[in-house]
PDB file of N, CA and C in Angstrom:
ATOM      1  N   MET A   1     -56.134  37.289  -1.032  1.00  0.00           N
ATOM      2  CA  MET A   1     -56.079  36.325   0.052  1.00  0.00           C
ATOM      3  C   MET A   1     -55.241  35.127  -0.405  1.00  0.00           C
ATOM      4  N   SER A   2     -54.281  34.753   0.397  1.00  0.00           N
ATOM      5  CA  SER A   2     -53.387  33.660   0.003  1.00  0.00           C
ATOM      6  C   SER A   2     -53.927  32.318   0.472  1.00  0.00           C
ATOM      7  N   LYS A   3     -53.609  31.326  -0.304  1.00  0.00           N
ATOM      8  CA  LYS A   3     -54.023  29.959  -0.008  1.00  0.00           C
ATOM      9  C   LYS A   3     -53.139  29.385   1.100  1.00  0.00           C
ATOM     10  N   ILE A   4     -53.738  28.638   1.999  1.00  0.00           N
ATOM     11  CA  ILE A   4     -52.967  27.964   3.048  1.00  0.00           C
ATOM     12  C   ILE A   4     -52.215  26.800   2.398  1.00  0.00           C
ATOM     13  N   LYS A   5     -50.914  26.768   2.616  1.00  0.00           N
ATOM     14  CA  LYS A   5     -50.092  25.718   2.025  1.00  0.00           C
ATOM     15  C   LYS A   5     -50.200  24.431   2.836  1.00  0.00           C
ATOM     16  N   SER A   6     -50.205  23.332   2.127  1.00  0.00           N
ATOM     17  CA  SER A   6     -50.178  22.021   2.780  1.00  0.00           C
ATOM     18  C   SER A   6     -48.731  21.639   3.066  1.00  0.00           C
ATOM     19  N   ILE A   7     -48.559  20.626   3.869  1.00  0.00           N
ATOM     20  CA  ILE A   7     -47.207  20.130   4.142  1.00  0.00           C
ATOM     21  C   ILE A   7     -46.561  19.672   2.836  1.00  0.00           C
ATOM     22  N   TYR A   8     -47.354  19.059   1.970  1.00  0.00           N
ATOM     23  CA  TYR A   8     -46.827  18.617   0.677  1.00  0.00           C
ATOM     24  C   TYR A   8     -46.277  19.796  -0.120  1.00  0.00           C
ATOM     25  N   ASP A   9     -46.983  20.927  -0.101  1.00  0.00           N
ATOM     26  CA  ASP A   9     -46.524  22.126  -0.809  1.00  0.00           C
ATOM     27  C   ASP A   9     -45.218  22.667  -0.224  1.00  0.00           C
ATOM     28  N   MET A  10     -45.015  22.473   1.079  1.00  0.00           N
ATOM     29  CA  MET A  10     -43.844  23.024   1.759  1.00  0.00           C
ATOM     30  C   MET A  10     -42.632  22.091   1.760  1.00  0.00           C
ATOM     31  N   LEU A  11     -42.768  20.875   1.236  1.00  0.00           N
ATOM     32  CA  LEU A  11     -41.644  19.934   1.234  1.00  0.00           C
ATOM     33  C   LEU A  11     -40.453  20.487   0.468  1.00  0.00           C
ATOM     34  N   ASN A  12     -39.272  20.162   0.946  1.00  0.00           N
ATOM     35  CA  ASN A  12     -38.061  20.493   0.198  1.00  0.00           C
ATOM     36  C   ASN A  12     -38.138  19.829  -1.172  1.00  0.00           C
ATOM     37  N   PRO A  13     -37.614  20.458  -2.206  1.00  0.00           N
ATOM     38  CA  PRO A  13     -37.725  19.907  -3.566  1.00  0.00           C
ATOM     39  C   PRO A  13     -37.202  18.479  -3.717  1.00  0.00           C
ATOM     40  N   ASN A  14     -36.091  18.156  -3.059  1.00  0.00           N
ATOM     41  CA  ASN A  14     -35.538  16.795  -3.179  1.00  0.00           C
ATOM     42  C   ASN A  14     -36.476  15.760  -2.578  1.00  0.00           C
ATOM     43  N   VAL A  15     -37.047  16.081  -1.436  1.00  0.00           N
ATOM     44  CA  VAL A  15     -37.965  15.156  -0.768  1.00  0.00           C
ATOM     45  C   VAL A  15     -39.239  15.006  -1.601  1.00  0.00           C
ATOM     46  N   LYS A  16     -39.732  16.112  -2.133  1.00  0.00           N
ATOM     47  CA  LYS A  16     -40.955  16.074  -2.942  1.00  0.00           C
ATOM     48  C   LYS A  16     -40.754  15.214  -4.187  1.00  0.00           C
ATOM     49  N   THR A  17     -39.587  15.333  -4.810  1.00  0.00           N
ATOM     50  CA  THR A  17     -39.277  14.530  -5.993  1.00  0.00           C
ATOM     51  C   THR A  17     -39.275  13.045  -5.656  1.00  0.00           C
ATOM     52  N   GLU A  18     -38.680  12.695  -4.524  1.00  0.00           N
ATOM     53  CA  GLU A  18     -38.643  11.291  -4.088  1.00  0.00           C
ATOM     54  C   GLU A  18     -40.057  10.768  -3.793  1.00  0.00           C
ATOM     55  N   ILE A  19     -40.886  11.591  -3.148  1.00  0.00           N
ATOM     56  CA  ILE A  19     -42.263  11.183  -2.842  1.00  0.00           C
ATOM     57  C   ILE A  19     -43.039  10.968  -4.137  1.00  0.00           C
ATOM     58  N   GLN A  20     -42.877  11.859  -5.096  1.00  0.00           N
ATOM     59  CA  GLN A  20     -43.580  11.727  -6.375  1.00  0.00           C
ATOM     60  C   GLN A  20     -43.167  10.446  -7.096  1.00  0.00           C
ATOM     61  N   ALA A  21     -41.881  10.144  -7.099  1.00  0.00           N
ATOM     62  CA  ALA A  21     -41.394   8.927  -7.748  1.00  0.00           C
ATOM     63  C   ALA A  21     -41.914   7.685  -7.036  1.00  0.00           C
ATOM     64  N   SER A  22     -41.914   7.710  -5.714  1.00  0.00           N
ATOM     65  CA  SER A  22     -42.412   6.570  -4.940  1.00  0.00           C
ATOM     66  C   SER A  22     -43.908   6.388  -5.118  1.00  0.00           C
ATOM     67  N   ALA A  23     -44.654   7.495  -5.256  1.00  0.00           N
ATOM     68  CA  ALA A  23     -46.107   7.431  -5.407  1.00  0.00           C
ATOM     69  C   ALA A  23     -46.503   6.751  -6.717  1.00  0.00           C
ATOM     70  N   ARG A  24     -45.629   6.819  -7.718  1.00  0.00           N
ATOM     71  CA  ARG A  24     -45.905   6.127  -8.980  1.00  0.00           C
ATOM     72  C   ARG A  24     -45.737   4.617  -8.842  1.00  0.00           C
ATOM     73  N   LYS A  25     -44.956   4.189  -7.849  1.00  0.00           N
ATOM     74  CA  LYS A  25     -44.654   2.773  -7.683  1.00  0.00           C
ATOM     75  C   LYS A  25     -45.478   2.096  -6.584  1.00  0.00           C
ATOM     76  N   TYR A  26     -45.731   2.830  -5.492  1.00  0.00           N
ATOM     77  CA  TYR A  26     -46.291   2.205  -4.302  1.00  0.00           C
ATOM     78  C   TYR A  26     -47.582   2.891  -3.855  1.00  0.00           C
ATOM     79  N   ASP A  27     -48.581   2.080  -3.520  1.00  0.00           N
ATOM     80  CA  ASP A  27     -49.851   2.619  -3.035  1.00  0.00           C
ATOM     81  C   ASP A  27     -49.676   3.341  -1.704  1.00  0.00           C
ATOM     82  N   GLY A  28     -48.802   2.838  -0.852  1.00  0.00           N
ATOM     83  CA  GLY A  28     -48.563   3.471   0.443  1.00  0.00           C
ATOM     84  C   GLY A  28     -47.998   4.879   0.287  1.00  0.00           C
ATOM     85  N   ALA A  29     -47.142   5.057  -0.687  1.00  0.00           N
ATOM     86  CA  ALA A  29     -46.567   6.388  -0.947  1.00  0.00           C
ATOM     87  C   ALA A  29     -47.630   7.323  -1.500  1.00  0.00           C
ATOM     88  N   ARG A  30     -48.539   6.784  -2.305  1.00  0.00           N
ATOM     89  CA  ARG A  30     -49.626   7.603  -2.834  1.00  0.00           C
ATOM     90  C   ARG A  30     -50.543   8.052  -1.701  1.00  0.00           C
ATOM     91  N   LEU A  31     -50.830   7.161  -0.776  1.00  0.00           N
ATOM     92  CA  LEU A  31     -51.649   7.517   0.387  1.00  0.00           C
ATOM     93  C   LEU A  31     -50.940   8.565   1.245  1.00  0.00           C
ATOM     94  N   LEU A  32     -49.639   8.421   1.433  1.00  0.00           N
ATOM     95  CA  LEU A  32     -48.861   9.407   2.175  1.00  0.00           C
ATOM     96  C   LEU A  32     -48.923  10.769   1.494  1.00  0.00           C
ATOM     97  N   LYS A  33     -48.816  10.786   0.187  1.00  0.00           N
ATOM     98  CA  LYS A  33     -48.878  12.039  -0.572  1.00  0.00           C
ATOM     99  C   LYS A  33     -50.202  12.745  -0.307  1.00  0.00           C
ATOM    100  N   TYR A  34     -51.305  12.007  -0.340  1.00  0.00           N
ATOM    101  CA  TYR A  34     -52.616  12.603  -0.073  1.00  0.00           C
ATOM    102  C   TYR A  34     -52.746  13.046   1.380  1.00  0.00           C
ATOM    103  N   THR A  35     -52.137  12.311   2.288  1.00  0.00           N
ATOM    104  CA  THR A  35     -52.132  12.720   3.694  1.00  0.00           C
ATOM    105  C   THR A  35     -51.390  14.039   3.858  1.00  0.00           C
ATOM    106  N   LEU A  36     -50.233  14.151   3.224  1.00  0.00           N
ATOM    107  CA  LEU A  36     -49.452  15.387   3.302  1.00  0.00           C
ATOM    108  C   LEU A  36     -50.191  16.552   2.651  1.00  0.00           C
ATOM    109  N   MET A  37     -50.968  16.268   1.623  1.00  0.00           N
ATOM    110  CA  MET A  37     -51.753  17.315   0.965  1.00  0.00           C
ATOM    111  C   MET A  37     -52.921  17.789   1.838  1.00  0.00           C
ATOM    112  N   SER A  38     -53.357  16.943   2.750  1.00  0.00           N
ATOM    113  CA  SER A  38     -54.519  17.291   3.573  1.00  0.00           C
ATOM    114  C   SER A  38     -54.135  17.953   4.900  1.00  0.00           C
ATOM    115  N   LYS A  39     -52.868  17.991   5.219  1.00  0.00           N
ATOM    116  CA  LYS A  39     -52.408  18.582   6.490  1.00  0.00           C
ATOM    117  C   LYS A  39     -51.668  19.880   6.207  1.00  0.00           C
ATOM    118  N   SER A  40     -51.816  20.848   7.118  1.00  0.00           N
ATOM    119  CA  SER A  40     -51.128  22.123   6.924  1.00  0.00           C
ATOM    120  C   SER A  40     -50.131  22.439   8.036  1.00  0.00           C
ATOM    121  N   VAL A  41     -50.126  21.630   9.085  1.00  0.00           N
ATOM    122  CA  VAL A  41     -49.226  21.853  10.215  1.00  0.00           C
ATOM    123  C   VAL A  41     -48.485  20.549  10.508  1.00  0.00           C
ATOM    124  N   TRP A  42     -47.179  20.651  10.710  1.00  0.00           N
ATOM    125  CA  TRP A  42     -46.339  19.473  10.949  1.00  0.00           C
ATOM    126  C   TRP A  42     -46.845  18.633  12.117  1.00  0.00           C
ATOM    127  N   SER A  43     -47.336  19.280  13.159  1.00  0.00           N
ATOM    128  CA  SER A  43     -47.770  18.551  14.365  1.00  0.00           C
ATOM    129  C   SER A  43     -49.014  17.700  14.125  1.00  0.00           C
ATOM    130  N   GLU A  44     -49.681  17.866  12.990  1.00  0.00           N
ATOM    131  CA  GLU A  44     -50.833  17.029  12.655  1.00  0.00           C
ATOM    132  C   GLU A  44     -50.428  15.644  12.170  1.00  0.00           C
ATOM    133  N   LEU A  45     -49.149  15.480  11.823  1.00  0.00           N
ATOM    134  CA  LEU A  45     -48.676  14.192  11.322  1.00  0.00           C
ATOM    135  C   LEU A  45     -48.481  13.206  12.469  1.00  0.00           C
ATOM    136  N   SER A  46     -48.775  11.956  12.195  1.00  0.00           N
ATOM    137  CA  SER A  46     -48.514  10.910  13.181  1.00  0.00           C
ATOM    138  C   SER A  46     -47.073  10.428  13.040  1.00  0.00           C
ATOM    139  N   ILE A  47     -46.640   9.670  13.995  1.00  0.00           N
ATOM    140  CA  ILE A  47     -45.287   9.095  13.925  1.00  0.00           C
ATOM    141  C   ILE A  47     -45.186   8.182  12.708  1.00  0.00           C
ATOM    142  N   ARG A  48     -46.246   7.467  12.424  1.00  0.00           N
ATOM    143  CA  ARG A  48     -46.262   6.601  11.242  1.00  0.00           C
ATOM    144  C   ARG A  48     -46.110   7.418   9.962  1.00  0.00           C
ATOM    145  N   ASP A  49     -46.796   8.570   9.882  1.00  0.00           N
ATOM    146  CA  ASP A  49     -46.669   9.438   8.709  1.00  0.00           C
ATOM    147  C   ASP A  49     -45.220   9.888   8.521  1.00  0.00           C
ATOM    148  N   ILE A  50     -44.582  10.279   9.607  1.00  0.00           N
ATOM    149  CA  ILE A  50     -43.194  10.737   9.534  1.00  0.00           C
ATOM    150  C   ILE A  50     -42.272   9.584   9.145  1.00  0.00           C
ATOM    151  N   ASN A  51     -42.539   8.408   9.677  1.00  0.00           N
ATOM    152  CA  ASN A  51     -41.758   7.221   9.320  1.00  0.00           C
ATOM    153  C   ASN A  51     -41.879   6.933   7.827  1.00  0.00           C
ATOM    154  N   GLU A  52     -43.094   6.991   7.301  1.00  0.00           N
ATOM    155  CA  GLU A  52     -43.292   6.751   5.871  1.00  0.00           C
ATOM    156  C   GLU A  52     -42.671   7.863   5.031  1.00  0.00           C
ATOM    157  N   LEU A  53     -42.745   9.085   5.519  1.00  0.00           N
ATOM    158  CA  LEU A  53     -42.110  10.206   4.825  1.00  0.00           C
ATOM    159  C   LEU A  53     -40.610   9.979   4.714  1.00  0.00           C
ATOM    160  N   MET A  54     -40.001   9.470   5.767  1.00  0.00           N
ATOM    161  CA  MET A  54     -38.575   9.171   5.737  1.00  0.00           C
ATOM    162  C   MET A  54     -38.277   8.045   4.750  1.00  0.00           C
ATOM    163  N   SER A  55     -39.129   7.021   4.728  1.00  0.00           N
ATOM    164  CA  SER A  55     -38.910   5.885   3.824  1.00  0.00           C
ATOM    165  C   SER A  55     -39.106   6.277   2.367  1.00  0.00           C
ATOM    166  N   TYR A  56     -40.262   6.830   2.054  1.00  0.00           N
ATOM    167  CA  TYR A  56     -40.584   7.159   0.662  1.00  0.00           C
ATOM    168  C   TYR A  56     -39.884   8.424   0.181  1.00  0.00           C
ATOM    169  N   GLY A  57     -39.472   9.278   1.101  1.00  0.00           N
ATOM    170  CA  GLY A  57     -38.767  10.498   0.732  1.00  0.00           C
ATOM    171  C   GLY A  57     -37.265  10.334   0.714  1.00  0.00           C
ATOM    172  N   ASN A  58     -36.801   9.116   0.998  1.00  0.00           N
ATOM    173  CA  ASN A  58     -35.373   8.794   0.986  1.00  0.00           C
ATOM    174  C   ASN A  58     -34.595   9.702   1.950  1.00  0.00           C
ATOM    175  N   ILE A  59     -35.102   9.805   3.185  1.00  0.00           N
ATOM    176  CA  ILE A  59     -34.467  10.614   4.222  1.00  0.00           C
ATOM    177  C   ILE A  59     -33.841   9.660   5.232  1.00  0.00           C
ATOM    178  N   SER A  60     -32.565   9.793   5.477  1.00  0.00           N
ATOM    179  CA  SER A  60     -31.864   8.941   6.430  1.00  0.00           C
ATOM    180  C   SER A  60     -32.084   9.451   7.846  1.00  0.00           C
ATOM    181  N   SER A  61     -32.418   8.561   8.743  1.00  0.00           N
ATOM    182  CA  SER A  61     -32.642   8.964  10.143  1.00  0.00           C
ATOM    183  C   SER A  61     -31.351   9.435  10.809  1.00  0.00           C
ATOM    184  N   THR A  62     -30.212   9.019  10.278  1.00  0.00           N
ATOM    185  CA  THR A  62     -28.944   9.447  10.881  1.00  0.00           C
ATOM    186  C   THR A  62     -28.638  10.916  10.590  1.00  0.00           C
ATOM    187  N   THR A  63     -29.262  11.462   9.557  1.00  0.00           N
ATOM    188  CA  THR A  63     -29.028  12.871   9.223  1.00  0.00           C
ATOM    189  C   THR A  63     -30.053  13.790   9.875  1.00  0.00           C
ATOM    190  N   MET A  64     -31.033  13.216  10.562  1.00  0.00           N
ATOM    191  CA  MET A  64     -32.097  14.024  11.160  1.00  0.00           C
ATOM    192  C   MET A  64     -31.774  14.375  12.608  1.00  0.00           C
ATOM    193  N   SER A  65     -32.056  15.606  12.947  1.00  0.00           N
ATOM    194  CA  SER A  65     -31.899  16.055  14.328  1.00  0.00           C
ATOM    195  C   SER A  65     -33.236  15.877  15.042  1.00  0.00           C
ATOM    196  N   PRO A  66     -33.241  16.009  16.363  1.00  0.00           N
ATOM    197  CA  PRO A  66     -34.533  15.961  17.074  1.00  0.00           C
ATOM    198  C   PRO A  66     -35.509  17.020  16.570  1.00  0.00           C
ATOM    199  N   TYR A  67     -34.995  18.171  16.134  1.00  0.00           N
ATOM    200  CA  TYR A  67     -35.867  19.224  15.610  1.00  0.00           C
ATOM    201  C   TYR A  67     -36.505  18.826  14.286  1.00  0.00           C
ATOM    202  N   SER A  68     -35.831  17.973  13.535  1.00  0.00           N
ATOM    203  CA  SER A  68     -36.419  17.483  12.290  1.00  0.00           C
ATOM    204  C   SER A  68     -37.655  16.649  12.584  1.00  0.00           C
ATOM    205  N   PHE A  69     -37.563  15.809  13.596  1.00  0.00           N
ATOM    206  CA  PHE A  69     -38.712  14.988  13.980  1.00  0.00           C
ATOM    207  C   PHE A  69     -39.837  15.844  14.561  1.00  0.00           C
ATOM    208  N   LEU A  70     -39.480  16.786  15.411  1.00  0.00           N
ATOM    209  CA  LEU A  70     -40.494  17.581  16.107  1.00  0.00           C
ATOM    210  C   LEU A  70     -41.116  18.669  15.247  1.00  0.00           C
ATOM    211  N   TYR A  71     -40.304  19.316  14.402  1.00  0.00           N
ATOM    212  CA  TYR A  71     -40.783  20.498  13.686  1.00  0.00           C
ATOM    213  C   TYR A  71     -40.620  20.434  12.171  1.00  0.00           C
ATOM    214  N   GLY A  72     -40.044  19.360  11.658  1.00  0.00           N
ATOM    215  CA  GLY A  72     -39.874  19.233  10.221  1.00  0.00           C
ATOM    216  C   GLY A  72     -38.693  19.997   9.650  1.00  0.00           C
ATOM    217  N   ASP A  73     -37.766  20.415  10.522  1.00  0.00           N
ATOM    218  CA  ASP A  73     -36.585  21.133  10.043  1.00  0.00           C
ATOM    219  C   ASP A  73     -35.847  20.296   9.005  1.00  0.00           C
ATOM    220  N   ASN A  74     -35.394  20.929   7.950  1.00  0.00           N
ATOM    221  CA  ASN A  74     -34.674  20.303   6.840  1.00  0.00           C
ATOM    222  C   ASN A  74     -35.557  19.371   5.993  1.00  0.00           C
ATOM    223  N   ILE A  75     -36.847  19.329   6.284  1.00  0.00           N
ATOM    224  CA  ILE A  75     -37.778  18.524   5.487  1.00  0.00           C
ATOM    225  C   ILE A  75     -38.782  19.440   4.796  1.00  0.00           C
ATOM    226  N   ILE A  76     -39.265  20.439   5.527  1.00  0.00           N
ATOM    227  CA  ILE A  76     -40.203  21.391   4.935  1.00  0.00           C
ATOM    228  C   ILE A  76     -39.608  22.803   4.983  1.00  0.00           C
ATOM    229  N   ASN A  77     -40.053  23.599   4.040  1.00  0.00           N
ATOM    230  CA  ASN A  77     -39.683  25.019   4.005  1.00  0.00           C
ATOM    231  C   ASN A  77     -40.838  25.806   4.603  1.00  0.00           C
ATOM    232  N   ARG A  78     -40.520  26.706   5.466  1.00  0.00           N
ATOM    233  CA  ARG A  78     -41.587  27.503   6.087  1.00  0.00           C
ATOM    234  C   ARG A  78     -41.717  28.836   5.423  1.00  0.00           C
TER     235      ARG A  78
END
């Protein structure tokens, strides 16, 4: 039986590295990391969670498509 992956487990390696580095510096990033670890579906995230993911994960909003916001395209691996 396979374990259900969290959003944190599914993050692209570059984004995950940025989140890990930010979590060492900022309490907000650490809280975001735990939030991502507790969710398994992208739609469970709030707009604030996605905003913080973009900030702490060093993701530029200009490179994101509407599908990135709605479904996590280019942010998580399915």
